[in-house]
Protein backbone atom coordinates (compact mmCIF):
# COMPACT_ATOMS: atom_id res chain seq x y z
CA MET A 1 31.22 20.27 -16.96
CA ASP A 2 28.87 23.18 -17.62
CA ALA A 3 26.53 24.62 -14.99
CA ALA A 4 23.43 22.92 -16.41
CA SER A 5 25.10 19.51 -16.25
CA ALA A 6 26.26 20.16 -12.69
CA ALA A 7 22.74 21.16 -11.66
CA LYS A 8 21.29 18.06 -13.33
CA ASP A 9 23.79 15.90 -11.45
CA ARG A 10 22.71 17.50 -8.16
CA VAL A 11 19.06 16.77 -8.93
CA ASP A 12 19.90 13.18 -9.89
CA ARG A 13 21.82 12.68 -6.65
CA ALA A 14 18.98 14.18 -4.58
CA LEU A 15 16.43 11.93 -6.24
CA ALA A 16 18.64 8.85 -5.79
CA LEU A 17 19.04 9.69 -2.10
CA LEU A 18 15.29 10.11 -1.75
CA GLU A 19 14.66 6.78 -3.47
CA ARG A 20 17.16 4.97 -1.21
CA ARG A 21 15.62 6.48 1.93
CA LEU A 22 12.11 5.51 0.86
CA LEU A 23 13.16 1.96 0.01
CA ASP A 24 14.89 1.69 3.39
CA LEU A 25 11.78 2.92 5.20
CA LYS A 26 9.55 0.56 3.22
CA SER A 27 11.75 -2.41 4.04
CA ARG A 28 11.79 -1.51 7.75
CA ALA A 29 8.03 -1.01 7.76
CA ALA A 30 7.48 -4.37 6.04
CA GLY A 31 9.63 -6.10 8.64
CA GLY A 32 7.71 -4.55 11.55
CA GLY A 33 4.26 -5.61 10.38
CA ALA A 34 1.50 -3.49 8.93
CA ALA A 35 -0.36 -0.89 10.89
CA ALA A 36 -3.84 -1.93 11.96
CA ASP A 37 -5.60 0.53 9.66
CA ASP A 38 -2.63 1.01 7.27
CA ASP A 39 -3.20 4.77 7.38
CA LEU A 40 0.07 6.59 7.96
CA PHE A 41 -1.74 9.88 8.49
CA ALA A 42 -4.30 8.73 11.04
CA PRO A 43 -4.68 11.27 13.86
CA GLN A 44 -4.11 8.64 16.57
CA PRO A 45 -1.37 6.09 15.73
CA SER A 46 -2.33 2.73 17.16
CA SER A 47 1.10 1.82 18.55
CA GLU A 48 4.58 3.11 19.30
CA THR A 49 5.80 1.32 16.16
CA ASP A 50 3.36 3.42 14.13
CA ARG A 51 4.53 6.60 15.82
CA ILE A 52 8.14 5.77 15.01
CA ARG A 53 7.28 4.90 11.41
CA ILE A 54 5.33 8.14 10.94
CA HIS A 55 8.19 10.14 12.41
CA GLU A 56 10.71 8.45 10.09
CA LEU A 57 8.54 9.09 7.03
CA GLU A 58 8.02 12.72 8.00
CA SER A 59 11.75 13.13 8.53
CA ALA A 60 12.53 11.53 5.17
CA GLY A 61 9.99 13.83 3.53
CA ARG A 62 11.60 16.91 5.08
CA ASP A 63 15.07 15.72 4.05
CA ALA A 64 13.89 15.08 0.50
CA ALA A 65 12.18 18.45 0.29
CA GLU A 66 15.35 20.20 1.46
CA ALA A 67 17.52 18.29 -1.02
CA LEU A 68 15.16 19.01 -3.89
CA SER A 69 14.96 22.66 -2.86
CA ARG A 70 18.75 22.94 -2.96
CA ALA A 71 18.80 21.23 -6.36
CA ALA A 72 16.09 23.55 -7.68
CA ASP A 73 18.04 26.57 -6.43
CA ALA A 74 21.14 25.27 -8.19
CA ILE A 75 19.18 24.84 -11.42
CA ARG A 76 17.74 28.35 -11.15
CA ASP A 77 21.22 29.77 -10.52
CA SER A 78 22.61 27.83 -13.46
CA LEU A 79 19.86 29.00 -15.79
CA ALA A 80 20.26 32.62 -14.65
CA GLU A 81 24.01 32.37 -15.23
CA GLN A 82 23.49 30.98 -18.73
CA GLU A 83 20.96 33.71 -19.56
CA SER A 84 23.38 36.43 -18.48
CA ARG A 85 26.03 35.23 -20.93
């Protein structure tokens, strides 16, 4: 497997993980009922359930950003390696 293929695989895995996490959060949110105003970014969450949901979404966003950052770094490294050949 060449470096470009390995980097692509890392990106694919990161995106699949992100998609699974988002689907999991959506299914949990649907089971807990909708927020009163359905605004995840409201300054004052209306209940503890909303606070938990916001925290989970923020955490998933940070995890996804980190995974995509690592994948992007791997792609950059791979491209730099190929250019140096």
